[in-house]
Amino acid sequence: MAKGSRYENAPAFTGQDGQAPIFPGARARAIGPAAGVLEYTVKDGDRLDLLALYFYNDTRKWWRILDANPDIVFGADLTLAENVGETILIPRAVEPGARR
């Protein structure tokens, strides 16, 4: 996987009986509990990328919010329309010892 990526240590898909894997790429990476979080109530029009811009000043860090809310937020859809009124967790911008 890409060096320095959050998927750097994720295991690759492997094929059976010496065959090439059906899906080239990485398996899901382990996600630990989010540390240093804020609770945020989703409002109409909220999107993961816009919340990342607001909280982290970087639209590309939407995945941090997704990681903190795996049971609530569907990652293939940046909108939060189905979550209006629900409380989600917003993790700290950079956790101690983590790469940016």
N, C-alpha and C. Protein backbone atom coordinates (compact mmCIF):
# COMPACT_ATOMS: atom_id res chain seq x y z
N MET A 1 0.84 -1.17 0.00
CA MET A 1 0.00 0.00 0.00
C MET A 1 0.89 1.25 0.00
N ALA A 2 0.29 2.37 -0.24
CA ALA A 2 1.04 3.62 -0.35
C ALA A 2 1.71 3.97 0.98
N LYS A 3 3.00 4.20 0.90
CA LYS A 3 3.76 4.55 2.10
C LYS A 3 3.24 5.85 2.69
N GLY A 4 3.01 5.84 3.99
CA GLY A 4 2.50 7.03 4.68
C GLY A 4 0.98 7.14 4.64
N SER A 5 0.31 6.26 3.89
CA SER A 5 -1.14 6.26 3.80
C SER A 5 -1.73 5.64 5.06
N ARG A 6 -2.99 5.96 5.37
CA ARG A 6 -3.64 5.32 6.51
C ARG A 6 -3.90 3.85 6.23
N TYR A 7 -3.70 3.41 4.99
CA TYR A 7 -3.84 2.01 4.61
C TYR A 7 -2.50 1.30 4.49
N GLU A 8 -1.41 1.95 4.88
CA GLU A 8 -0.07 1.40 4.73
C GLU A 8 0.07 0.00 5.33
N ASN A 9 -0.54 -0.24 6.47
CA ASN A 9 -0.40 -1.53 7.14
C ASN A 9 -1.60 -2.45 6.98
N ALA A 10 -2.55 -2.05 6.13
CA ALA A 10 -3.72 -2.89 5.89
C ALA A 10 -3.32 -4.08 5.02
N PRO A 11 -3.81 -5.29 5.32
CA PRO A 11 -3.45 -6.45 4.52
C PRO A 11 -4.07 -6.39 3.12
N ALA A 12 -3.34 -6.88 2.14
CA ALA A 12 -3.84 -6.91 0.77
C ALA A 12 -4.78 -8.10 0.59
N PHE A 13 -5.66 -8.02 -0.38
CA PHE A 13 -6.49 -9.17 -0.73
C PHE A 13 -5.58 -10.24 -1.32
N THR A 14 -5.88 -11.48 -1.04
CA THR A 14 -5.09 -12.58 -1.58
C THR A 14 -6.01 -13.53 -2.33
N GLY A 15 -5.45 -14.20 -3.32
CA GLY A 15 -6.22 -15.16 -4.10
C GLY A 15 -6.20 -16.53 -3.45
N GLN A 16 -7.03 -17.41 -3.93
CA GLN A 16 -7.07 -18.78 -3.41
C GLN A 16 -6.25 -19.69 -4.31
N ASP A 17 -5.59 -20.65 -3.70
CA ASP A 17 -4.82 -21.66 -4.44
C ASP A 17 -3.83 -21.05 -5.42
N GLY A 18 -3.15 -19.99 -5.00
CA GLY A 18 -2.12 -19.38 -5.84
C GLY A 18 -2.65 -18.51 -6.96
N GLN A 19 -3.96 -18.31 -7.03
CA GLN A 19 -4.56 -17.47 -8.06
C GLN A 19 -4.44 -15.99 -7.67
N ALA A 20 -4.54 -15.14 -8.67
CA ALA A 20 -4.54 -13.70 -8.42
C ALA A 20 -5.81 -13.35 -7.63
N PRO A 21 -5.73 -12.33 -6.76
CA PRO A 21 -6.94 -11.94 -6.02
C PRO A 21 -8.03 -11.44 -6.95
N ILE A 22 -9.27 -11.68 -6.56
CA ILE A 22 -10.41 -11.21 -7.36
C ILE A 22 -10.45 -9.69 -7.35
N PHE A 23 -10.10 -9.11 -6.23
CA PHE A 23 -10.14 -7.65 -6.08
C PHE A 23 -8.76 -7.16 -5.67
N PRO A 24 -8.05 -6.46 -6.55
CA PRO A 24 -6.74 -5.93 -6.16
C PRO A 24 -6.92 -4.74 -5.20
N GLY A 25 -6.17 -4.72 -4.17
CA GLY A 25 -6.27 -3.61 -3.23
C GLY A 25 -6.09 -4.08 -1.81
N ALA A 26 -6.50 -3.25 -0.87
CA ALA A 26 -6.31 -3.54 0.55
C ALA A 26 -7.62 -3.92 1.20
N ARG A 27 -7.52 -4.78 2.20
CA ARG A 27 -8.68 -5.08 3.04
C ARG A 27 -8.93 -3.89 3.95
N ALA A 28 -10.06 -3.89 4.58
CA ALA A 28 -10.38 -2.80 5.51
C ALA A 28 -9.32 -2.72 6.59
N ARG A 29 -8.96 -1.51 6.96
CA ARG A 29 -7.97 -1.33 8.01
C ARG A 29 -8.67 -1.32 9.36
N ALA A 30 -7.93 -1.68 10.38
CA ALA A 30 -8.49 -1.67 11.73
C ALA A 30 -8.71 -0.23 12.18
N ILE A 31 -9.85 0.02 12.75
CA ILE A 31 -10.18 1.37 13.23
C ILE A 31 -10.40 1.29 14.73
N GLY A 32 -9.55 1.97 15.48
CA GLY A 32 -9.70 1.99 16.93
C GLY A 32 -10.71 3.04 17.35
N PRO A 33 -10.99 3.13 18.63
CA PRO A 33 -11.94 4.14 19.10
C PRO A 33 -11.40 5.55 18.88
N ALA A 34 -12.28 6.46 18.56
CA ALA A 34 -11.89 7.86 18.36
C ALA A 34 -11.57 8.49 19.70
N ALA A 35 -10.49 9.24 19.75
CA ALA A 35 -10.08 9.91 20.99
C ALA A 35 -10.30 11.42 20.86
N GLY A 36 -10.65 12.04 21.95
CA GLY A 36 -10.82 13.49 21.96
C GLY A 36 -11.91 13.93 21.00
N VAL A 37 -13.13 13.57 21.29
CA VAL A 37 -14.23 13.85 20.36
C VAL A 37 -15.17 14.94 20.85
N LEU A 38 -15.83 15.55 19.90
CA LEU A 38 -16.94 16.48 20.16
C LEU A 38 -18.21 15.78 19.70
N GLU A 39 -19.31 16.09 20.32
CA GLU A 39 -20.60 15.60 19.83
C GLU A 39 -21.20 16.71 18.98
N TYR A 40 -21.75 16.32 17.83
CA TYR A 40 -22.31 17.28 16.89
C TYR A 40 -23.67 16.77 16.43
N THR A 41 -24.68 17.63 16.44
CA THR A 41 -26.00 17.27 15.95
C THR A 41 -26.10 17.65 14.48
N VAL A 42 -26.38 16.67 13.65
CA VAL A 42 -26.45 16.86 12.20
C VAL A 42 -27.62 17.75 11.84
N LYS A 43 -27.33 18.74 10.97
CA LYS A 43 -28.34 19.67 10.50
C LYS A 43 -28.61 19.42 9.02
N ASP A 44 -29.76 19.88 8.54
CA ASP A 44 -30.09 19.76 7.13
C ASP A 44 -29.01 20.44 6.30
N GLY A 45 -28.54 19.77 5.27
CA GLY A 45 -27.52 20.32 4.38
C GLY A 45 -26.10 19.95 4.78
N ASP A 46 -25.90 19.33 5.94
CA ASP A 46 -24.56 18.92 6.35
C ASP A 46 -24.04 17.83 5.41
N ARG A 47 -22.74 17.89 5.16
CA ARG A 47 -22.03 16.86 4.39
C ARG A 47 -20.72 16.59 5.09
N LEU A 48 -20.21 15.37 4.94
CA LEU A 48 -18.95 15.01 5.60
C LEU A 48 -17.81 15.92 5.18
N ASP A 49 -17.72 16.23 3.90
CA ASP A 49 -16.61 17.08 3.44
C ASP A 49 -16.73 18.50 3.99
N LEU A 50 -17.95 19.01 4.11
CA LEU A 50 -18.13 20.37 4.65
C LEU A 50 -17.86 20.41 6.15
N LEU A 51 -18.24 19.35 6.86
CA LEU A 51 -17.91 19.28 8.29
C LEU A 51 -16.40 19.19 8.48
N ALA A 52 -15.73 18.44 7.61
CA ALA A 52 -14.26 18.35 7.69
C ALA A 52 -13.63 19.70 7.43
N LEU A 53 -14.18 20.45 6.50
CA LEU A 53 -13.67 21.80 6.25
C LEU A 53 -13.85 22.67 7.48
N TYR A 54 -15.00 22.59 8.10
CA TYR A 54 -15.28 23.40 9.28
C TYR A 54 -14.40 23.02 10.47
N PHE A 55 -14.32 21.73 10.76
CA PHE A 55 -13.59 21.29 11.96
C PHE A 55 -12.09 21.13 11.74
N TYR A 56 -11.66 20.80 10.51
CA TYR A 56 -10.24 20.51 10.26
C TYR A 56 -9.60 21.44 9.25
N ASN A 57 -10.41 22.32 8.65
CA ASN A 57 -9.92 23.23 7.61
C ASN A 57 -9.36 22.44 6.42
N ASP A 58 -9.96 21.28 6.14
CA ASP A 58 -9.49 20.42 5.05
C ASP A 58 -10.62 19.47 4.65
N THR A 59 -11.19 19.66 3.47
CA THR A 59 -12.30 18.82 3.02
C THR A 59 -11.90 17.36 2.85
N ARG A 60 -10.61 17.09 2.66
CA ARG A 60 -10.15 15.72 2.42
C ARG A 60 -10.12 14.86 3.70
N LYS A 61 -10.35 15.44 4.85
CA LYS A 61 -10.30 14.68 6.11
C LYS A 61 -11.68 14.21 6.57
N TRP A 62 -12.64 14.14 5.64
CA TRP A 62 -13.98 13.66 5.97
C TRP A 62 -13.94 12.23 6.51
N TRP A 63 -12.96 11.46 6.10
CA TRP A 63 -12.84 10.06 6.53
C TRP A 63 -12.62 9.94 8.04
N ARG A 64 -12.07 10.98 8.69
CA ARG A 64 -11.89 10.95 10.14
C ARG A 64 -13.26 10.90 10.84
N ILE A 65 -14.21 11.66 10.30
CA ILE A 65 -15.56 11.68 10.86
C ILE A 65 -16.23 10.32 10.58
N LEU A 66 -16.05 9.80 9.39
CA LEU A 66 -16.59 8.50 9.03
C LEU A 66 -16.04 7.41 9.95
N ASP A 67 -14.73 7.42 10.19
CA ASP A 67 -14.11 6.43 11.08
C ASP A 67 -14.70 6.48 12.48
N ALA A 68 -15.03 7.67 12.96
CA ALA A 68 -15.55 7.83 14.32
C ALA A 68 -17.02 7.41 14.43
N ASN A 69 -17.69 7.24 13.29
CA ASN A 69 -19.13 6.95 13.28
C ASN A 69 -19.47 5.80 12.34
N PRO A 70 -18.80 4.66 12.44
CA PRO A 70 -19.03 3.59 11.46
C PRO A 70 -20.44 3.00 11.48
N ASP A 71 -21.15 3.11 12.58
CA ASP A 71 -22.50 2.54 12.66
C ASP A 71 -23.58 3.53 12.22
N ILE A 72 -23.20 4.78 12.05
CA ILE A 72 -24.20 5.81 11.75
C ILE A 72 -24.09 6.29 10.32
N VAL A 73 -22.88 6.55 9.86
CA VAL A 73 -22.66 7.23 8.58
C VAL A 73 -22.26 6.22 7.51
N PHE A 74 -22.84 6.35 6.32
CA PHE A 74 -22.52 5.52 5.17
C PHE A 74 -21.47 6.25 4.33
N GLY A 75 -20.28 5.68 4.20
CA GLY A 75 -19.16 6.36 3.59
C GLY A 75 -19.26 6.63 2.11
N ALA A 76 -20.08 5.89 1.38
CA ALA A 76 -20.18 6.12 -0.06
C ALA A 76 -20.99 7.37 -0.38
N ASP A 77 -21.62 7.93 0.60
CA ASP A 77 -22.47 9.10 0.41
C ASP A 77 -21.99 10.19 1.36
N LEU A 78 -21.41 11.26 0.82
CA LEU A 78 -20.90 12.33 1.67
C LEU A 78 -22.01 13.12 2.36
N THR A 79 -23.25 13.02 1.86
CA THR A 79 -24.33 13.76 2.50
C THR A 79 -24.76 13.06 3.78
N LEU A 80 -25.36 13.82 4.66
CA LEU A 80 -25.84 13.28 5.93
C LEU A 80 -27.36 13.46 6.05
N ALA A 81 -28.04 13.51 4.90
CA ALA A 81 -29.48 13.77 4.89
C ALA A 81 -30.27 12.79 5.76
N GLU A 82 -29.86 11.53 5.77
CA GLU A 82 -30.58 10.53 6.56
C GLU A 82 -30.26 10.61 8.06
N ASN A 83 -29.29 11.45 8.43
CA ASN A 83 -28.85 11.54 9.82
C ASN A 83 -29.25 12.85 10.49
N VAL A 84 -30.06 13.67 9.83
CA VAL A 84 -30.47 14.96 10.41
C VAL A 84 -31.11 14.72 11.77
N GLY A 85 -30.65 15.46 12.76
CA GLY A 85 -31.16 15.35 14.12
C GLY A 85 -30.40 14.37 14.98
N GLU A 86 -29.58 13.52 14.38
CA GLU A 86 -28.78 12.55 15.13
C GLU A 86 -27.48 13.20 15.60
N THR A 87 -26.92 12.65 16.66
CA THR A 87 -25.64 13.13 17.17
C THR A 87 -24.54 12.24 16.63
N ILE A 88 -23.51 12.86 16.04
CA ILE A 88 -22.35 12.12 15.57
C ILE A 88 -21.12 12.62 16.33
N LEU A 89 -20.04 11.87 16.23
CA LEU A 89 -18.80 12.24 16.89
C LEU A 89 -17.85 12.88 15.90
N ILE A 90 -17.21 13.93 16.34
CA ILE A 90 -16.18 14.61 15.54
C ILE A 90 -14.87 14.43 16.30
N PRO A 91 -13.95 13.59 15.78
CA PRO A 91 -12.70 13.35 16.50
C PRO A 91 -11.75 14.53 16.41
N ARG A 92 -10.81 14.55 17.35
CA ARG A 92 -9.77 15.57 17.38
C ARG A 92 -9.10 15.63 16.00
N ALA A 93 -8.66 16.82 15.60
CA ALA A 93 -8.05 17.00 14.28
C ALA A 93 -6.83 16.10 14.08
N VAL A 94 -5.96 16.05 15.04
CA VAL A 94 -4.78 15.18 14.94
C VAL A 94 -4.59 14.51 16.29
N GLU A 95 -4.59 13.20 16.28
CA GLU A 95 -4.40 12.47 17.51
C GLU A 95 -2.91 12.41 17.83
N PRO A 96 -2.54 12.39 19.10
CA PRO A 96 -1.12 12.35 19.46
C PRO A 96 -0.41 11.20 18.78
N GLY A 97 0.71 11.51 18.14
CA GLY A 97 1.53 10.50 17.50
C GLY A 97 1.04 10.07 16.13
N ALA A 98 -0.08 10.61 15.67
CA ALA A 98 -0.61 10.23 14.36
C ALA A 98 0.01 11.06 13.27
N ARG A 99 0.02 10.48 12.06
CA ARG A 99 0.49 11.24 10.89
C ARG A 99 -0.65 12.11 10.41
N ARG A 100 -0.33 13.19 9.79
CA ARG A 100 -1.36 14.06 9.23
C ARG A 100 -1.82 13.59 7.89
